[in-house]
Amino acid sequence: MSDEKKLYFSTQEAAEKVGVKAHTLRFWEKEIGSLLAPRRTPSGVRTYTREDIETLKIFHYLTKEQGLSLSAAHLKLRNSKSEALKKHKLYERLNRLKDKVYELRSLLALSDDENDDDDLNLTN
């Protein structure tokens, strides 16, 4: 099933989407339990919704990129989740743009190398 149609994600899938290890998600659940309560299957396996994953991404952004402690990030999420979400979205967009710039630079460098080779062949 494609990710677009999935309603619930395993701990491993959620961890991959957030960019952390599965044990980190389980630890964070203890830290921000009031903001994150993944559902559990009858056998006790955690399942995360898209909203849960978005909350985890914001928490990751606040702790890793903003340098907040776990408790400060929890407090910020609890008090101003929409503001943190906006900043996180901007951060993600900036990273995508940086990736595009690097890709374009690589293409330009390849193009320049090919032109240099053509110039060498013309002078011989």
PDB file of N, CA and C in Angstrom:
ATOM      1  N   MET A   1       0.851  -1.181   0.000  1.00  0.00           N
ATOM      2  CA  MET A   1       0.000   0.000   0.000  1.00  0.00           C
ATOM      3  C   MET A   1       0.893   1.239   0.000  1.00  0.00           C
ATOM      4  N   SER A   2       0.518   2.237  -0.803  1.00  0.00           N
ATOM      5  CA  SER A   2       1.333   3.450  -0.866  1.00  0.00           C
ATOM      6  C   SER A   2       1.152   4.272   0.413  1.00  0.00           C
ATOM      7  N   ASP A   3       2.176   5.053   0.731  1.00  0.00           N
ATOM      8  CA  ASP A   3       2.137   5.900   1.930  1.00  0.00           C
ATOM      9  C   ASP A   3       0.967   6.870   1.913  1.00  0.00           C
ATOM     10  N   GLU A   4       0.578   7.307   0.719  1.00  0.00           N
ATOM     11  CA  GLU A   4      -0.495   8.297   0.611  1.00  0.00           C
ATOM     12  C   GLU A   4      -1.826   7.754   1.134  1.00  0.00           C
ATOM     13  N   LYS A   5      -2.021   6.445   1.020  1.00  0.00           N
ATOM     14  CA  LYS A   5      -3.285   5.840   1.419  1.00  0.00           C
ATOM     15  C   LYS A   5      -3.263   5.281   2.830  1.00  0.00           C
ATOM     16  N   LYS A   6      -2.088   5.141   3.414  1.00  0.00           N
ATOM     17  CA  LYS A   6      -1.992   4.544   4.749  1.00  0.00           C
ATOM     18  C   LYS A   6      -2.542   5.485   5.804  1.00  0.00           C
ATOM     19  N   LEU A   7      -3.249   4.917   6.746  1.00  0.00           N
ATOM     20  CA  LEU A   7      -3.762   5.691   7.872  1.00  0.00           C
ATOM     21  C   LEU A   7      -2.854   5.583   9.087  1.00  0.00           C
ATOM     22  N   TYR A   8      -2.214   4.421   9.238  1.00  0.00           N
ATOM     23  CA  TYR A   8      -1.379   4.173  10.408  1.00  0.00           C
ATOM     24  C   TYR A   8      -0.018   3.636   9.978  1.00  0.00           C
ATOM     25  N   PHE A   9       0.996   4.012  10.756  1.00  0.00           N
ATOM     26  CA  PHE A   9       2.361   3.618  10.463  1.00  0.00           C
ATOM     27  C   PHE A   9       2.965   2.935  11.680  1.00  0.00           C
ATOM     28  N   SER A  10       3.810   1.969  11.428  1.00  0.00           N
ATOM     29  CA  SER A  10       4.503   1.285  12.514  1.00  0.00           C
ATOM     30  C   SER A  10       5.533   2.226  13.136  1.00  0.00           C
ATOM     31  N   THR A  11       6.071   1.820  14.261  1.00  0.00           N
ATOM     32  CA  THR A  11       7.108   2.625  14.906  1.00  0.00           C
ATOM     33  C   THR A  11       8.301   2.803  13.976  1.00  0.00           C
ATOM     34  N   GLN A  12       8.703   1.748  13.300  1.00  0.00           N
ATOM     35  CA  GLN A  12       9.844   1.813  12.389  1.00  0.00           C
ATOM     36  C   GLN A  12       9.572   2.770  11.226  1.00  0.00           C
ATOM     37  N   GLU A  13       8.380   2.685  10.648  1.00  0.00           N
ATOM     38  CA  GLU A  13       8.023   3.572   9.537  1.00  0.00           C
ATOM     39  C   GLU A  13       7.985   5.029   9.993  1.00  0.00           C
ATOM     40  N   ALA A  14       7.390   5.265  11.158  1.00  0.00           N
ATOM     41  CA  ALA A  14       7.314   6.624  11.692  1.00  0.00           C
ATOM     42  C   ALA A  14       8.718   7.163  11.966  1.00  0.00           C
ATOM     43  N   ALA A  15       9.566   6.325  12.541  1.00  0.00           N
ATOM     44  CA  ALA A  15      10.943   6.742  12.839  1.00  0.00           C
ATOM     45  C   ALA A  15      11.677   7.137  11.562  1.00  0.00           C
ATOM     46  N   GLU A  16      11.501   6.363  10.495  1.00  0.00           N
ATOM     47  CA  GLU A  16      12.147   6.683   9.222  1.00  0.00           C
ATOM     48  C   GLU A  16      11.652   8.010   8.675  1.00  0.00           C
ATOM     49  N   LYS A  17      10.357   8.264   8.787  1.00  0.00           N
ATOM     50  CA  LYS A  17       9.793   9.522   8.298  1.00  0.00           C
ATOM     51  C   LYS A  17      10.310  10.721   9.092  1.00  0.00           C
ATOM     52  N   VAL A  18      10.546  10.526  10.374  1.00  0.00           N
ATOM     53  CA  VAL A  18      11.027  11.610  11.233  1.00  0.00           C
ATOM     54  C   VAL A  18      12.540  11.779  11.114  1.00  0.00           C
ATOM     55  N   GLY A  19      13.234  10.677  10.825  1.00  0.00           N
ATOM     56  CA  GLY A  19      14.686  10.732  10.707  1.00  0.00           C
ATOM     57  C   GLY A  19      15.413  10.374  11.986  1.00  0.00           C
ATOM     58  N   VAL A  20      14.786   9.510  12.786  1.00  0.00           N
ATOM     59  CA  VAL A  20      15.395   9.066  14.046  1.00  0.00           C
ATOM     60  C   VAL A  20      15.242   7.547  14.152  1.00  0.00           C
ATOM     61  N   LYS A  21      15.813   6.971  15.180  1.00  0.00           N
ATOM     62  CA  LYS A  21      15.688   5.533  15.444  1.00  0.00           C
ATOM     63  C   LYS A  21      14.374   5.262  16.185  1.00  0.00           C
ATOM     64  N   ALA A  22      13.884   4.049  16.062  1.00  0.00           N
ATOM     65  CA  ALA A  22      12.616   3.666  16.695  1.00  0.00           C
ATOM     66  C   ALA A  22      12.659   3.848  18.211  1.00  0.00           C
ATOM     67  N   HIS A  23      13.801   3.521  18.828  1.00  0.00           N
ATOM     68  CA  HIS A  23      13.867   3.658  20.293  1.00  0.00           C
ATOM     69  C   HIS A  23      13.765   5.124  20.715  1.00  0.00           C
ATOM     70  N   THR A  24      14.178   6.034  19.830  1.00  0.00           N
ATOM     71  CA  THR A  24      14.052   7.471  20.125  1.00  0.00           C
ATOM     72  C   THR A  24      12.579   7.859  20.190  1.00  0.00           C
ATOM     73  N   LEU A  25      11.779   7.340  19.264  1.00  0.00           N
ATOM     74  CA  LEU A  25      10.342   7.632  19.300  1.00  0.00           C
ATOM     75  C   LEU A  25       9.706   7.134  20.584  1.00  0.00           C
ATOM     76  N   ARG A  26      10.082   5.954  21.005  1.00  0.00           N
ATOM     77  CA  ARG A  26       9.516   5.411  22.239  1.00  0.00           C
ATOM     78  C   ARG A  26       9.916   6.264  23.442  1.00  0.00           C
ATOM     79  N   PHE A  27      11.152   6.760  23.437  1.00  0.00           N
ATOM     80  CA  PHE A  27      11.604   7.640  24.512  1.00  0.00           C
ATOM     81  C   PHE A  27      10.838   8.959  24.479  1.00  0.00           C
ATOM     82  N   TRP A  28      10.717   9.520  23.287  1.00  0.00           N
ATOM     83  CA  TRP A  28       9.994  10.793  23.163  1.00  0.00           C
ATOM     84  C   TRP A  28       8.551  10.657  23.602  1.00  0.00           C
ATOM     85  N   GLU A  29       7.960   9.525  23.349  1.00  0.00           N
ATOM     86  CA  GLU A  29       6.570   9.312  23.751  1.00  0.00           C
ATOM     87  C   GLU A  29       6.416   9.536  25.261  1.00  0.00           C
ATOM     88  N   LYS A  30       7.426   9.130  26.011  1.00  0.00           N
ATOM     89  CA  LYS A  30       7.395   9.356  27.460  1.00  0.00           C
ATOM     90  C   LYS A  30       7.529  10.841  27.778  1.00  0.00           C
ATOM     91  N   GLU A  31       8.329  11.547  26.971  1.00  0.00           N
ATOM     92  CA  GLU A  31       8.587  12.970  27.224  1.00  0.00           C
ATOM     93  C   GLU A  31       7.408  13.858  26.836  1.00  0.00           C
ATOM     94  N   ILE A  32       6.756  13.536  25.727  1.00  0.00           N
ATOM     95  CA  ILE A  32       5.668  14.395  25.242  1.00  0.00           C
ATOM     96  C   ILE A  32       4.353  13.630  25.180  1.00  0.00           C
ATOM     97  N   GLY A  33       4.178  12.728  26.105  1.00  0.00           N
ATOM     98  CA  GLY A  33       2.991  11.880  26.124  1.00  0.00           C
ATOM     99  C   GLY A  33       1.683  12.636  26.066  1.00  0.00           C
ATOM    100  N   SER A  34       1.645  13.823  26.645  1.00  0.00           N
ATOM    101  CA  SER A  34       0.395  14.584  26.614  1.00  0.00           C
ATOM    102  C   SER A  34       0.081  15.094  25.207  1.00  0.00           C
ATOM    103  N   LEU A  35       1.091  15.198  24.355  1.00  0.00           N
ATOM    104  CA  LEU A  35       0.884  15.665  22.980  1.00  0.00           C
ATOM    105  C   LEU A  35       0.896  14.540  21.970  1.00  0.00           C
ATOM    106  N   LEU A  36       1.337  13.389  22.399  1.00  0.00           N
ATOM    107  CA  LEU A  36       1.486  12.265  21.484  1.00  0.00           C
ATOM    108  C   LEU A  36       1.046  10.990  22.185  1.00  0.00           C
ATOM    109  N   ALA A  37       0.049  10.375  21.631  1.00  0.00           N
ATOM    110  CA  ALA A  37      -0.414   9.108  22.199  1.00  0.00           C
ATOM    111  C   ALA A  37      -0.736   8.168  21.048  1.00  0.00           C
ATOM    112  N   PRO A  38       0.287   7.506  20.506  1.00  0.00           N
ATOM    113  CA  PRO A  38       0.005   6.603  19.388  1.00  0.00           C
ATOM    114  C   PRO A  38      -0.958   5.505  19.812  1.00  0.00           C
ATOM    115  N   ARG A  39      -1.784   5.129  18.866  1.00  0.00           N
ATOM    116  CA  ARG A  39      -2.715   4.031  19.142  1.00  0.00           C
ATOM    117  C   ARG A  39      -1.927   2.744  19.293  1.00  0.00           C
ATOM    118  N   ARG A  40      -2.561   1.809  19.943  1.00  0.00           N
ATOM    119  CA  ARG A  40      -1.943   0.489  20.094  1.00  0.00           C
ATOM    120  C   ARG A  40      -2.906  -0.563  19.568  1.00  0.00           C
ATOM    121  N   THR A  41      -2.327  -1.519  18.894  1.00  0.00           N
ATOM    122  CA  THR A  41      -3.133  -2.637  18.409  1.00  0.00           C
ATOM    123  C   THR A  41      -3.498  -3.507  19.612  1.00  0.00           C
ATOM    124  N   PRO A  42      -4.425  -4.443  19.439  1.00  0.00           N
ATOM    125  CA  PRO A  42      -4.763  -5.336  20.562  1.00  0.00           C
ATOM    126  C   PRO A  42      -3.553  -6.057  21.143  1.00  0.00           C
ATOM    127  N   SER A  43      -2.523  -6.262  20.317  1.00  0.00           N
ATOM    128  CA  SER A  43      -1.322  -6.928  20.827  1.00  0.00           C
ATOM    129  C   SER A  43      -0.317  -5.944  21.426  1.00  0.00           C
ATOM    130  N   GLY A  44      -0.673  -4.635  21.473  1.00  0.00           N
ATOM    131  CA  GLY A  44       0.168  -3.648  22.129  1.00  0.00           C
ATOM    132  C   GLY A  44       1.166  -2.941  21.229  1.00  0.00           C
ATOM    133  N   VAL A  45       1.129  -3.186  19.917  1.00  0.00           N
ATOM    134  CA  VAL A  45       2.052  -2.553  18.983  1.00  0.00           C
ATOM    135  C   VAL A  45       1.599  -1.114  18.712  1.00  0.00           C
ATOM    136  N   ARG A  46       2.520  -0.171  18.817  1.00  0.00           N
ATOM    137  CA  ARG A  46       2.204   1.234  18.570  1.00  0.00           C
ATOM    138  C   ARG A  46       1.947   1.472  17.080  1.00  0.00           C
ATOM    139  N   THR A  47       0.953   2.313  16.788  1.00  0.00           N
ATOM    140  CA  THR A  47       0.717   2.761  15.425  1.00  0.00           C
ATOM    141  C   THR A  47       0.565   4.282  15.456  1.00  0.00           C
ATOM    142  N   TYR A  48       1.192   4.937  14.497  1.00  0.00           N
ATOM    143  CA  TYR A  48       1.236   6.390  14.442  1.00  0.00           C
ATOM    144  C   TYR A  48       0.416   6.908  13.265  1.00  0.00           C
ATOM    145  N   THR A  49      -0.326   7.977  13.494  1.00  0.00           N
ATOM    146  CA  THR A  49      -1.071   8.632  12.425  1.00  0.00           C
ATOM    147  C   THR A  49      -0.170   9.664  11.754  1.00  0.00           C
ATOM    148  N   ARG A  50      -0.648  10.217  10.669  1.00  0.00           N
ATOM    149  CA  ARG A  50       0.101  11.290   9.993  1.00  0.00           C
ATOM    150  C   ARG A  50       0.280  12.488  10.932  1.00  0.00           C
ATOM    151  N   GLU A  51      -0.753  12.779  11.702  1.00  0.00           N
ATOM    152  CA  GLU A  51      -0.667  13.889  12.655  1.00  0.00           C
ATOM    153  C   GLU A  51       0.391  13.607  13.727  1.00  0.00           C
ATOM    154  N   ASP A  52       0.443  12.369  14.200  1.00  0.00           N
ATOM    155  CA  ASP A  52       1.480  11.989  15.170  1.00  0.00           C
ATOM    156  C   ASP A  52       2.869  12.211  14.568  1.00  0.00           C
ATOM    157  N   ILE A  53       3.032  11.797  13.315  1.00  0.00           N
ATOM    158  CA  ILE A  53       4.332  11.932  12.650  1.00  0.00           C
ATOM    159  C   ILE A  53       4.689  13.399  12.467  1.00  0.00           C
ATOM    160  N   GLU A  54       3.701  14.223  12.143  1.00  0.00           N
ATOM    161  CA  GLU A  54       3.958  15.656  11.995  1.00  0.00           C
ATOM    162  C   GLU A  54       4.397  16.254  13.339  1.00  0.00           C
ATOM    163  N   THR A  55       3.735  15.848  14.420  1.00  0.00           N
ATOM    164  CA  THR A  55       4.122  16.318  15.754  1.00  0.00           C
ATOM    165  C   THR A  55       5.553  15.897  16.072  1.00  0.00           C
ATOM    166  N   LEU A  56       5.895  14.662  15.733  1.00  0.00           N
ATOM    167  CA  LEU A  56       7.262  14.176  15.975  1.00  0.00           C
ATOM    168  C   LEU A  56       8.292  14.932  15.136  1.00  0.00           C
ATOM    169  N   LYS A  57       7.944  15.257  13.905  1.00  0.00           N
ATOM    170  CA  LYS A  57       8.860  16.023  13.055  1.00  0.00           C
ATOM    171  C   LYS A  57       9.117  17.408  13.649  1.00  0.00           C
ATOM    172  N   ILE A  58       8.062  18.011  14.151  1.00  0.00           N
ATOM    173  CA  ILE A  58       8.215  19.332  14.772  1.00  0.00           C
ATOM    174  C   ILE A  58       9.077  19.211  16.031  1.00  0.00           C
ATOM    175  N   PHE A  59       8.820  18.189  16.832  1.00  0.00           N
ATOM    176  CA  PHE A  59       9.608  17.972  18.047  1.00  0.00           C
ATOM    177  C   PHE A  59      11.080  17.769  17.691  1.00  0.00           C
ATOM    178  N   HIS A  60      11.334  16.994  16.652  1.00  0.00           N
ATOM    179  CA  HIS A  60      12.701  16.757  16.177  1.00  0.00           C
ATOM    180  C   HIS A  60      13.342  18.059  15.730  1.00  0.00           C
ATOM    181  N   TYR A  61      12.609  18.858  14.981  1.00  0.00           N
ATOM    182  CA  TYR A  61      13.102  20.161  14.532  1.00  0.00           C
ATOM    183  C   TYR A  61      13.454  21.055  15.724  1.00  0.00           C
ATOM    184  N   LEU A  62      12.570  21.105  16.702  1.00  0.00           N
ATOM    185  CA  LEU A  62      12.806  21.972  17.859  1.00  0.00           C
ATOM    186  C   LEU A  62      14.036  21.534  18.657  1.00  0.00           C
ATOM    187  N   THR A  63      14.224  20.233  18.791  1.00  0.00           N
ATOM    188  CA  THR A  63      15.363  19.757  19.587  1.00  0.00           C
ATOM    189  C   THR A  63      16.657  19.758  18.790  1.00  0.00           C
ATOM    190  N   LYS A  64      16.603  19.326  17.554  1.00  0.00           N
ATOM    191  CA  LYS A  64      17.842  19.204  16.774  1.00  0.00           C
ATOM    192  C   LYS A  64      18.259  20.522  16.139  1.00  0.00           C
ATOM    193  N   GLU A  65      17.337  21.176  15.449  1.00  0.00           N
ATOM    194  CA  GLU A  65      17.698  22.383  14.697  1.00  0.00           C
ATOM    195  C   GLU A  65      17.643  23.649  15.544  1.00  0.00           C
ATOM    196  N   GLN A  66      16.705  23.705  16.472  1.00  0.00           N
ATOM    197  CA  GLN A  66      16.588  24.883  17.328  1.00  0.00           C
ATOM    198  C   GLN A  66      17.382  24.745  18.621  1.00  0.00           C
ATOM    199  N   GLY A  67      17.831  23.537  18.927  1.00  0.00           N
ATOM    200  CA  GLY A  67      18.666  23.315  20.105  1.00  0.00           C
ATOM    201  C   GLY A  67      17.927  23.358  21.430  1.00  0.00           C
ATOM    202  N   LEU A  68      16.621  23.173  21.404  1.00  0.00           N
ATOM    203  CA  LEU A  68      15.863  23.198  22.651  1.00  0.00           C
ATOM    204  C   LEU A  68      16.015  21.876  23.391  1.00  0.00           C
ATOM    205  N   SER A  69      15.934  21.953  24.701  1.00  0.00           N
ATOM    206  CA  SER A  69      15.916  20.722  25.496  1.00  0.00           C
ATOM    207  C   SER A  69      14.594  20.010  25.240  1.00  0.00           C
ATOM    208  N   LEU A  70      14.512  18.756  25.634  1.00  0.00           N
ATOM    209  CA  LEU A  70      13.272  18.004  25.429  1.00  0.00           C
ATOM    210  C   LEU A  70      12.098  18.669  26.143  1.00  0.00           C
ATOM    211  N   SER A  71      12.331  19.105  27.366  1.00  0.00           N
ATOM    212  CA  SER A  71      11.230  19.730  28.112  1.00  0.00           C
ATOM    213  C   SER A  71      10.846  21.080  27.518  1.00  0.00           C
ATOM    214  N   ALA A  72      11.820  21.851  27.033  1.00  0.00           N
ATOM    215  CA  ALA A  72      11.517  23.144  26.405  1.00  0.00           C
ATOM    216  C   ALA A  72      10.764  22.943  25.090  1.00  0.00           C
ATOM    217  N   ALA A  73      11.165  21.937  24.322  1.00  0.00           N
ATOM    218  CA  ALA A  73      10.475  21.639  23.070  1.00  0.00           C
ATOM    219  C   ALA A  73       9.039  21.194  23.353  1.00  0.00           C
ATOM    220  N   HIS A  74       8.859  20.387  24.387  1.00  0.00           N
ATOM    221  CA  HIS A  74       7.524  19.946  24.778  1.00  0.00           C
ATOM    222  C   HIS A  74       6.662  21.140  25.149  1.00  0.00           C
ATOM    223  N   LEU A  75       7.203  22.036  25.937  1.00  0.00           N
ATOM    224  CA  LEU A  75       6.474  23.227  26.356  1.00  0.00           C
ATOM    225  C   LEU A  75       6.107  24.094  25.150  1.00  0.00           C
ATOM    226  N   LYS A  76       7.061  24.288  24.243  1.00  0.00           N
ATOM    227  CA  LYS A  76       6.807  25.101  23.061  1.00  0.00           C
ATOM    228  C   LYS A  76       5.724  24.470  22.193  1.00  0.00           C
ATOM    229  N   LEU A  77       5.789  23.156  22.031  1.00  0.00           N
ATOM    230  CA  LEU A  77       4.766  22.462  21.251  1.00  0.00           C
ATOM    231  C   LEU A  77       3.391  22.606  21.903  1.00  0.00           C
ATOM    232  N   ARG A  78       3.364  22.457  23.201  1.00  0.00           N
ATOM    233  CA  ARG A  78       2.089  22.536  23.915  1.00  0.00           C
ATOM    234  C   ARG A  78       1.489  23.937  23.824  1.00  0.00           C
ATOM    235  N   ASN A  79       2.339  24.956  23.920  1.00  0.00           N
ATOM    236  CA  ASN A  79       1.850  26.331  23.952  1.00  0.00           C
ATOM    237  C   ASN A  79       1.643  26.952  22.574  1.00  0.00           C
ATOM    238  N   SER A  80       2.443  26.564  21.597  1.00  0.00           N
ATOM    239  CA  SER A  80       2.330  27.222  20.281  1.00  0.00           C
ATOM    240  C   SER A  80       2.678  26.253  19.147  1.00  0.00           C
ATOM    241  N   LYS A  81       1.886  25.216  19.040  1.00  0.00           N
ATOM    242  CA  LYS A  81       2.138  24.192  18.021  1.00  0.00           C
ATOM    243  C   LYS A  81       2.043  24.781  16.615  1.00  0.00           C
ATOM    244  N   SER A  82       1.079  25.668  16.369  1.00  0.00           N
ATOM    245  CA  SER A  82       0.918  26.205  15.013  1.00  0.00           C
ATOM    246  C   SER A  82       2.133  27.043  14.604  1.00  0.00           C
ATOM    247  N   GLU A  83       2.696  27.798  15.532  1.00  0.00           N
ATOM    248  CA  GLU A  83       3.901  28.588  15.232  1.00  0.00           C
ATOM    249  C   GLU A  83       5.087  27.660  14.954  1.00  0.00           C
ATOM    250  N   ALA A  84       5.237  26.642  15.758  1.00  0.00           N
ATOM    251  CA  ALA A  84       6.324  25.687  15.554  1.00  0.00           C
ATOM    252  C   ALA A  84       6.145  24.954  14.224  1.00  0.00           C
ATOM    253  N   LEU A  85       4.907  24.647  13.871  1.00  0.00           N
ATOM    254  CA  LEU A  85       4.631  23.969  12.602  1.00  0.00           C
ATOM    255  C   LEU A  85       5.037  24.861  11.426  1.00  0.00           C
ATOM    256  N   LYS A  86       4.709  26.140  11.488  1.00  0.00           N
ATOM    257  CA  LYS A  86       5.086  27.068  10.412  1.00  0.00           C
ATOM    258  C   LYS A  86       6.601  27.125  10.243  1.00  0.00           C
ATOM    259  N   LYS A  87       7.312  27.234  11.353  1.00  0.00           N
ATOM    260  CA  LYS A  87       8.773  27.299  11.288  1.00  0.00           C
ATOM    261  C   LYS A  87       9.352  26.001  10.737  1.00  0.00           C
ATOM    262  N   HIS A  88       8.777  24.884  11.159  1.00  0.00           N
ATOM    263  CA  HIS A  88       9.242  23.588  10.674  1.00  0.00           C
ATOM    264  C   HIS A  88       9.021  23.466   9.170  1.00  0.00           C
ATOM    265  N   LYS A  89       7.860  23.887   8.688  1.00  0.00           N
ATOM    266  CA  LYS A  89       7.560  23.824   7.255  1.00  0.00           C
ATOM    267  C   LYS A  89       8.542  24.698   6.467  1.00  0.00           C
ATOM    268  N   LEU A  90       8.840  25.877   6.992  1.00  0.00           N
ATOM    269  CA  LEU A  90       9.815  26.751   6.331  1.00  0.00           C
ATOM    270  C   LEU A  90      11.192  26.100   6.296  1.00  0.00           C
ATOM    271  N   TYR A  91      11.560  25.464   7.395  1.00  0.00           N
ATOM    272  CA  TYR A  91      12.849  24.779   7.468  1.00  0.00           C
ATOM    273  C   TYR A  91      12.920  23.652   6.439  1.00  0.00           C
ATOM    274  N   GLU A  92      11.836  22.868   6.330  1.00  0.00           N
ATOM    275  CA  GLU A  92      11.808  21.787   5.342  1.00  0.00           C
ATOM    276  C   GLU A  92      11.902  22.331   3.924  1.00  0.00           C
ATOM    277  N   ARG A  93      11.200  23.423   3.651  1.00  0.00           N
ATOM    278  CA  ARG A  93      11.235  24.029   2.318  1.00  0.00           C
ATOM    279  C   ARG A  93      12.642  24.541   2.005  1.00  0.00           C
ATOM    280  N   LEU A  94      13.261  25.161   2.978  1.00  0.00           N
ATOM    281  CA  LEU A  94      14.632  25.656   2.790  1.00  0.00           C
ATOM    282  C   LEU A  94      15.584  24.507   2.468  1.00  0.00           C
ATOM    283  N   ASN A  95      15.448  23.398   3.175  1.00  0.00           N
ATOM    284  CA  ASN A  95      16.303  22.236   2.902  1.00  0.00           C
ATOM    285  C   ASN A  95      16.075  21.685   1.507  1.00  0.00           C
ATOM    286  N   ARG A  96      14.814  21.651   1.058  1.00  0.00           N
ATOM    287  CA  ARG A  96      14.542  21.187  -0.305  1.00  0.00           C
ATOM    288  C   ARG A  96      15.165  22.128  -1.330  1.00  0.00           C
ATOM    289  N   LEU A  97      15.080  23.427  -1.076  1.00  0.00           N
ATOM    290  CA  LEU A  97      15.693  24.399  -1.988  1.00  0.00           C
ATOM    291  C   LEU A  97      17.212  24.253  -2.014  1.00  0.00           C
ATOM    292  N   LYS A  98      17.815  24.040  -0.852  1.00  0.00           N
ATOM    293  CA  LYS A  98      19.267  23.819  -0.806  1.00  0.00           C
ATOM    294  C   LYS A  98      19.651  22.599  -1.622  1.00  0.00           C
ATOM    295  N   ASP A  99      18.878  21.524  -1.500  1.00  0.00           N
ATOM    296  CA  ASP A  99      19.148  20.314  -2.283  1.00  0.00           C
ATOM    297  C   ASP A  99      19.080  20.608  -3.775  1.00  0.00           C
ATOM    298  N   LYS A 100      18.101  21.396  -4.181  1.00  0.00           N
ATOM    299  CA  LYS A 100      17.969  21.757  -5.599  1.00  0.00           C
ATOM    300  C   LYS A 100      19.169  22.580  -6.060  1.00  0.00           C
ATOM    301  N   VAL A 101      19.610  23.515  -5.233  1.00  0.00           N
ATOM    302  CA  VAL A 101      20.767  24.345  -5.589  1.00  0.00           C
ATOM    303  C   VAL A 101      22.003  23.473  -5.761  1.00  0.00           C
ATOM    304  N   TYR A 102      22.232  22.551  -4.847  1.00  0.00           N
ATOM    305  CA  TYR A 102      23.384  21.638  -4.968  1.00  0.00           C
ATOM    306  C   TYR A 102      23.290  20.805  -6.238  1.00  0.00           C
ATOM    307  N   GLU A 103      22.069  20.342  -6.537  1.00  0.00           N
ATOM    308  CA  GLU A 103      21.865  19.548  -7.741  1.00  0.00           C
ATOM    309  C   GLU A 103      22.174  20.379  -8.994  1.00  0.00           C
ATOM    310  N   LEU A 104      21.686  21.620  -9.013  1.00  0.00           N
ATOM    311  CA  LEU A 104      21.952  22.491 -10.157  1.00  0.00           C
ATOM    312  C   LEU A 104      23.433  22.818 -10.284  1.00  0.00           C
ATOM    313  N   ARG A 105      24.087  23.041  -9.160  1.00  0.00           N
ATOM    314  CA  ARG A 105      25.533  23.308  -9.207  1.00  0.00           C
ATOM    315  C   ARG A 105      26.289  22.120  -9.782  1.00  0.00           C
ATOM    316  N   SER A 106      25.880  20.932  -9.399  1.00  0.00           N
ATOM    317  CA  SER A 106      26.527  19.727  -9.918  1.00  0.00           C
ATOM    318  C   SER A 106      26.325  19.615 -11.428  1.00  0.00           C
ATOM    319  N   LEU A 107      25.119  19.899 -11.872  1.00  0.00           N
ATOM    320  CA  LEU A 107      24.833  19.849 -13.302  1.00  0.00           C
ATOM    321  C   LEU A 107      25.642  20.895 -14.061  1.00  0.00           C
ATOM    322  N   LEU A 108      25.748  22.086 -13.487  1.00  0.00           N
ATOM    323  CA  LEU A 108      26.540  23.142 -14.123  1.00  0.00           C
ATOM    324  C   LEU A 108      28.010  22.767 -14.183  1.00  0.00           C
ATOM    325  N   ALA A 109      28.496  22.156 -13.119  1.00  0.00           N
ATOM    326  CA  ALA A 109      29.901  21.746 -13.099  1.00  0.00           C
ATOM    327  C   ALA A 109      30.155  20.695 -14.171  1.00  0.00           C
ATOM    328  N   LEU A 110      29.236  19.752 -14.342  1.00  0.00           N
ATOM    329  CA  LEU A 110      29.372  18.743 -15.384  1.00  0.00           C
ATOM    330  C   LEU A 110      29.343  19.384 -16.762  1.00  0.00           C
ATOM    331  N   SER A 111      28.455  20.334 -16.931  1.00  0.00           N
ATOM    332  CA  SER A 111      28.342  21.037 -18.207  1.00  0.00           C
ATOM    333  C   SER A 111      29.620  21.805 -18.514  1.00  0.00           C
ATOM    334  N   ASP A 112      30.179  22.475 -17.509  1.00  0.00           N
ATOM    335  CA  ASP A 112      31.432  23.214 -17.686  1.00  0.00           C
ATOM    336  C   ASP A 112      32.570  22.277 -18.051  1.00  0.00           C
ATOM    337  N   ASP A 113      32.620  21.106 -17.403  1.00  0.00           N
ATOM    338  CA  ASP A 113      33.658  20.123 -17.710  1.00  0.00           C
ATOM    339  C   ASP A 113      33.547  19.648 -19.154  1.00  0.00           C
ATOM    340  N   GLU A 114      32.322  19.418 -19.619  1.00  0.00           N
ATOM    341  CA  GLU A 114      32.126  18.983 -21.000  1.00  0.00           C
ATOM    342  C   GLU A 114      32.549  20.075 -21.975  1.00  0.00           C
ATOM    343  N   ASN A 115      32.234  21.330 -21.633  1.00  0.00           N
ATOM    344  CA  ASN A 115      32.631  22.445 -22.495  1.00  0.00           C
ATOM    345  C   ASN A 115      34.140  22.584 -22.537  1.00  0.00           C
ATOM    346  N   ASP A 116      34.806  22.379 -21.413  1.00  0.00           N
ATOM    347  CA  ASP A 116      36.269  22.446 -21.371  1.00  0.00           C
ATOM    348  C   ASP A 116      36.868  21.357 -22.253  1.00  0.00           C
ATOM    349  N   ASP A 117      36.265  20.163 -22.213  1.00  0.00           N
ATOM    350  CA  ASP A 117      36.743  19.066 -23.058  1.00  0.00           C
ATOM    351  C   ASP A 117      36.562  19.404 -24.533  1.00  0.00           C
ATOM    352  N   ASP A 118      35.426  20.018 -24.870  1.00  0.00           N
ATOM    353  CA  ASP A 118      35.184  20.411 -26.252  1.00  0.00           C
ATOM    354  C   ASP A 118      36.192  21.461 -26.695  1.00  0.00           C
ATOM    355  N   ASP A 119      36.522  22.403 -25.811  1.00  0.00           N
ATOM    356  CA  ASP A 119      37.508  23.437 -26.137  1.00  0.00           C
ATOM    357  C   ASP A 119      38.870  22.814 -26.387  1.00  0.00           C
ATOM    358  N   LEU A 120      39.226  21.810 -25.596  1.00  0.00           N
ATOM    359  CA  LEU A 120      40.515  21.155 -25.782  1.00  0.00           C
ATOM    360  C   LEU A 120      40.562  20.437 -27.120  1.00  0.00           C
ATOM    361  N   ASN A 121      39.470  19.826 -27.517  1.00  0.00           N
ATOM    362  CA  ASN A 121      39.424  19.101 -28.790  1.00  0.00           C
ATOM    363  C   ASN A 121      39.493  20.058 -29.974  1.00  0.00           C
ATOM    364  N   LEU A 122      38.947  21.264 -29.825  1.00  0.00           N
ATOM    365  CA  LEU A 122      38.988  22.235 -30.907  1.00  0.00           C
ATOM    366  C   LEU A 122      40.385  22.792 -31.122  1.00  0.00           C
ATOM    367  N   THR A 123      41.170  22.897 -30.071  1.00  0.00           N
ATOM    368  CA  THR A 123      42.518  23.483 -30.193  1.00  0.00           C
ATOM    369  C   THR A 123      43.524  22.475 -30.678  1.00  0.00           C
ATOM    370  N   ASN A 124      43.213  21.221 -30.657  1.00  0.00           N
ATOM    371  CA  ASN A 124      44.173  20.194 -31.106  1.00  0.00           C
ATOM    372  C   ASN A 124      44.121  19.996 -32.584  1.00  0.00           C
TER     373      ASN A 124
END
